[in-house]
Amino acid sequence: MSRLLDVPAGCPETLSADSIEAMEQQLAEATTLMQRLRCH
């Protein structure tokens, strides 16, 4: 998990709250998709 949060030395602002929120949304969508596939 910590590797996901590593940012380049020159870009401390790379992981803004928006990008973290977008990652969490993608993770939630992927989890939903996996659950849906498992049901069929």
PDB file of N, CA and C in Angstrom:
ATOM      1  N   MET A   1       0.835  -1.201   0.000  1.00  0.00           N
ATOM      2  CA  MET A   1       0.000   0.000   0.000  1.00  0.00           C
ATOM      3  C   MET A   1       0.872   1.254   0.000  1.00  0.00           C
ATOM      4  N   SER A   2       1.960   1.215   0.793  1.00  0.00           N
ATOM      5  CA  SER A   2       2.800   2.401   0.867  1.00  0.00           C
ATOM      6  C   SER A   2       3.449   2.693  -0.478  1.00  0.00           C
ATOM      7  N   ARG A   3       3.668   1.644  -1.296  1.00  0.00           N
ATOM      8  CA  ARG A   3       4.289   1.868  -2.595  1.00  0.00           C
ATOM      9  C   ARG A   3       3.368   2.688  -3.494  1.00  0.00           C
ATOM     10  N   LEU A   4       2.064   2.529  -3.327  1.00  0.00           N
ATOM     11  CA  LEU A   4       1.107   3.310  -4.108  1.00  0.00           C
ATOM     12  C   LEU A   4       1.256   4.798  -3.814  1.00  0.00           C
ATOM     13  N   LEU A   5       1.645   5.116  -2.583  1.00  0.00           N
ATOM     14  CA  LEU A   5       1.687   6.510  -2.164  1.00  0.00           C
ATOM     15  C   LEU A   5       3.051   7.139  -2.387  1.00  0.00           C
ATOM     16  N   ASP A   6       4.018   6.372  -2.916  1.00  0.00           N
ATOM     17  CA  ASP A   6       5.321   6.958  -3.226  1.00  0.00           C
ATOM     18  C   ASP A   6       5.161   7.968  -4.357  1.00  0.00           C
ATOM     19  N   VAL A   7       5.771   9.142  -4.191  1.00  0.00           N
ATOM     20  CA  VAL A   7       5.709  10.160  -5.241  1.00  0.00           C
ATOM     21  C   VAL A   7       7.126  10.533  -5.645  1.00  0.00           C
ATOM     22  N   PRO A   8       7.327  10.974  -6.883  1.00  0.00           N
ATOM     23  CA  PRO A   8       8.647  11.439  -7.303  1.00  0.00           C
ATOM     24  C   PRO A   8       9.130  12.581  -6.413  1.00  0.00           C
ATOM     25  N   ALA A   9      10.437  12.664  -6.230  1.00  0.00           N
ATOM     26  CA  ALA A   9      11.001  13.633  -5.286  1.00  0.00           C
ATOM     27  C   ALA A   9      10.609  15.062  -5.642  1.00  0.00           C
ATOM     28  N   GLY A  10      10.493  15.360  -6.939  1.00  0.00           N
ATOM     29  CA  GLY A  10      10.201  16.728  -7.353  1.00  0.00           C
ATOM     30  C   GLY A  10       8.719  17.043  -7.409  1.00  0.00           C
ATOM     31  N   CYS A  11       7.861  16.074  -7.070  1.00  0.00           N
ATOM     32  CA  CYS A  11       6.417  16.275  -7.231  1.00  0.00           C
ATOM     33  C   CYS A  11       5.671  15.946  -5.941  1.00  0.00           C
ATOM     34  N   PRO A  12       5.830  16.761  -4.905  1.00  0.00           N
ATOM     35  CA  PRO A  12       5.165  16.460  -3.632  1.00  0.00           C
ATOM     36  C   PRO A  12       3.649  16.572  -3.714  1.00  0.00           C
ATOM     37  N   GLU A  13       3.146  17.277  -4.729  1.00  0.00           N
ATOM     38  CA  GLU A  13       1.699  17.493  -4.829  1.00  0.00           C
ATOM     39  C   GLU A  13       1.034  16.499  -5.774  1.00  0.00           C
ATOM     40  N   THR A  14       1.793  15.488  -6.208  1.00  0.00           N
ATOM     41  CA  THR A  14       1.248  14.563  -7.203  1.00  0.00           C
ATOM     42  C   THR A  14      -0.016  13.892  -6.688  1.00  0.00           C
ATOM     43  N   LEU A  15       0.025  13.416  -5.439  1.00  0.00           N
ATOM     44  CA  LEU A  15      -1.146  12.739  -4.884  1.00  0.00           C
ATOM     45  C   LEU A  15      -1.989  13.740  -4.105  1.00  0.00           C
ATOM     46  N   SER A  16      -2.860  14.420  -4.817  1.00  0.00           N
ATOM     47  CA  SER A  16      -3.783  15.330  -4.162  1.00  0.00           C
ATOM     48  C   SER A  16      -4.965  14.541  -3.624  1.00  0.00           C
ATOM     49  N   ALA A  17      -5.830  15.207  -2.889  1.00  0.00           N
ATOM     50  CA  ALA A  17      -7.018  14.532  -2.367  1.00  0.00           C
ATOM     51  C   ALA A  17      -7.881  14.021  -3.515  1.00  0.00           C
ATOM     52  N   ASP A  18      -7.911  14.769  -4.616  1.00  0.00           N
ATOM     53  CA  ASP A  18      -8.727  14.360  -5.762  1.00  0.00           C
ATOM     54  C   ASP A  18      -8.229  13.057  -6.357  1.00  0.00           C
ATOM     55  N   SER A  19      -6.911  12.926  -6.520  1.00  0.00           N
ATOM     56  CA  SER A  19      -6.387  11.712  -7.143  1.00  0.00           C
ATOM     57  C   SER A  19      -6.559  10.518  -6.220  1.00  0.00           C
ATOM     58  N   ILE A  20      -6.424  10.740  -4.910  1.00  0.00           N
ATOM     59  CA  ILE A  20      -6.649   9.649  -3.953  1.00  0.00           C
ATOM     60  C   ILE A  20      -8.113   9.224  -4.004  1.00  0.00           C
ATOM     61  N   GLU A  21      -9.009  10.204  -4.080  1.00  0.00           N
ATOM     62  CA  GLU A  21     -10.440   9.892  -4.163  1.00  0.00           C
ATOM     63  C   GLU A  21     -10.745   9.129  -5.440  1.00  0.00           C
ATOM     64  N   ALA A  22     -10.100   9.514  -6.542  1.00  0.00           N
ATOM     65  CA  ALA A  22     -10.309   8.823  -7.811  1.00  0.00           C
ATOM     66  C   ALA A  22      -9.814   7.384  -7.721  1.00  0.00           C
ATOM     67  N   MET A  23      -8.668   7.174  -7.055  1.00  0.00           N
ATOM     68  CA  MET A  23      -8.150   5.814  -6.902  1.00  0.00           C
ATOM     69  C   MET A  23      -9.105   4.964  -6.078  1.00  0.00           C
ATOM     70  N   GLU A  24      -9.638   5.548  -5.004  1.00  0.00           N
ATOM     71  CA  GLU A  24     -10.577   4.806  -4.162  1.00  0.00           C
ATOM     72  C   GLU A  24     -11.834   4.456  -4.949  1.00  0.00           C
ATOM     73  N   GLN A  25     -12.286   5.371  -5.806  1.00  0.00           N
ATOM     74  CA  GLN A  25     -13.480   5.102  -6.612  1.00  0.00           C
ATOM     75  C   GLN A  25     -13.206   3.978  -7.598  1.00  0.00           C
ATOM     76  N   GLN A  26     -12.026   3.990  -8.229  1.00  0.00           N
ATOM     77  CA  GLN A  26     -11.682   2.921  -9.165  1.00  0.00           C
ATOM     78  C   GLN A  26     -11.601   1.594  -8.435  1.00  0.00           C
ATOM     79  N   LEU A  27     -11.050   1.599  -7.220  1.00  0.00           N
ATOM     80  CA  LEU A  27     -10.948   0.369  -6.442  1.00  0.00           C
ATOM     81  C   LEU A  27     -12.335  -0.155  -6.095  1.00  0.00           C
ATOM     82  N   ALA A  28     -13.245   0.740  -5.723  1.00  0.00           N
ATOM     83  CA  ALA A  28     -14.604   0.323  -5.392  1.00  0.00           C
ATOM     84  C   ALA A  28     -15.306  -0.260  -6.616  1.00  0.00           C
ATOM     85  N   GLU A  29     -15.106   0.367  -7.779  1.00  0.00           N
ATOM     86  CA  GLU A  29     -15.736  -0.143  -8.996  1.00  0.00           C
ATOM     87  C   GLU A  29     -15.172  -1.507  -9.363  1.00  0.00           C
ATOM     88  N   ALA A  30     -13.868  -1.684  -9.204  1.00  0.00           N
ATOM     89  CA  ALA A  30     -13.247  -2.972  -9.513  1.00  0.00           C
ATOM     90  C   ALA A  30     -13.762  -4.046  -8.561  1.00  0.00           C
ATOM     91  N   THR A  31     -13.913  -3.699  -7.285  1.00  0.00           N
ATOM     92  CA  THR A  31     -14.415  -4.657  -6.306  1.00  0.00           C
ATOM     93  C   THR A  31     -15.842  -5.068  -6.652  1.00  0.00           C
ATOM     94  N   THR A  32     -16.675  -4.095  -7.029  1.00  0.00           N
ATOM     95  CA  THR A  32     -18.053  -4.389  -7.416  1.00  0.00           C
ATOM     96  C   THR A  32     -18.088  -5.300  -8.625  1.00  0.00           C
ATOM     97  N   LEU A  33     -17.218  -5.021  -9.593  1.00  0.00           N
ATOM     98  CA  LEU A  33     -17.167  -5.843 -10.799  1.00  0.00           C
ATOM     99  C   LEU A  33     -16.757  -7.270 -10.461  1.00  0.00           C
ATOM    100  N   MET A  34     -15.772  -7.427  -9.591  1.00  0.00           N
ATOM    101  CA  MET A  34     -15.318  -8.763  -9.200  1.00  0.00           C
ATOM    102  C   MET A  34     -16.441  -9.522  -8.502  1.00  0.00           C
ATOM    103  N   GLN A  35     -17.180  -8.838  -7.629  1.00  0.00           N
ATOM    104  CA  GLN A  35     -18.279  -9.492  -6.919  1.00  0.00           C
ATOM    105  C   GLN A  35     -19.360  -9.927  -7.903  1.00  0.00           C
ATOM    106  N   ARG A  36     -19.627  -9.075  -8.899  1.00  0.00           N
ATOM    107  CA  ARG A  36     -20.651  -9.385  -9.885  1.00  0.00           C
ATOM    108  C   ARG A  36     -20.230 -10.595 -10.719  1.00  0.00           C
ATOM    109  N   LEU A  37     -18.947 -10.648 -11.086  1.00  0.00           N
ATOM    110  CA  LEU A  37     -18.462 -11.776 -11.883  1.00  0.00           C
ATOM    111  C   LEU A  37     -18.521 -13.065 -11.077  1.00  0.00           C
ATOM    112  N   ARG A  38     -18.279 -12.965  -9.783  1.00  0.00           N
ATOM    113  CA  ARG A  38     -18.257 -14.154  -8.938  1.00  0.00           C
ATOM    114  C   ARG A  38     -19.661 -14.737  -8.788  1.00  0.00           C
ATOM    115  N   CYS A  39     -20.672 -13.894  -8.882  1.00  0.00           N
ATOM    116  CA  CYS A  39     -22.047 -14.368  -8.684  1.00  0.00           C
ATOM    117  C   CYS A  39     -22.551 -15.167  -9.876  1.00  0.00           C
ATOM    118  N   HIS A  40     -21.990 -14.954 -11.060  1.00  0.00           N
ATOM    119  CA  HIS A  40     -22.513 -15.609 -12.263  1.00  0.00           C
ATOM    120  C   HIS A  40     -21.847 -16.941 -12.519  1.00  0.00           C
TER     121      HIS A  40
END
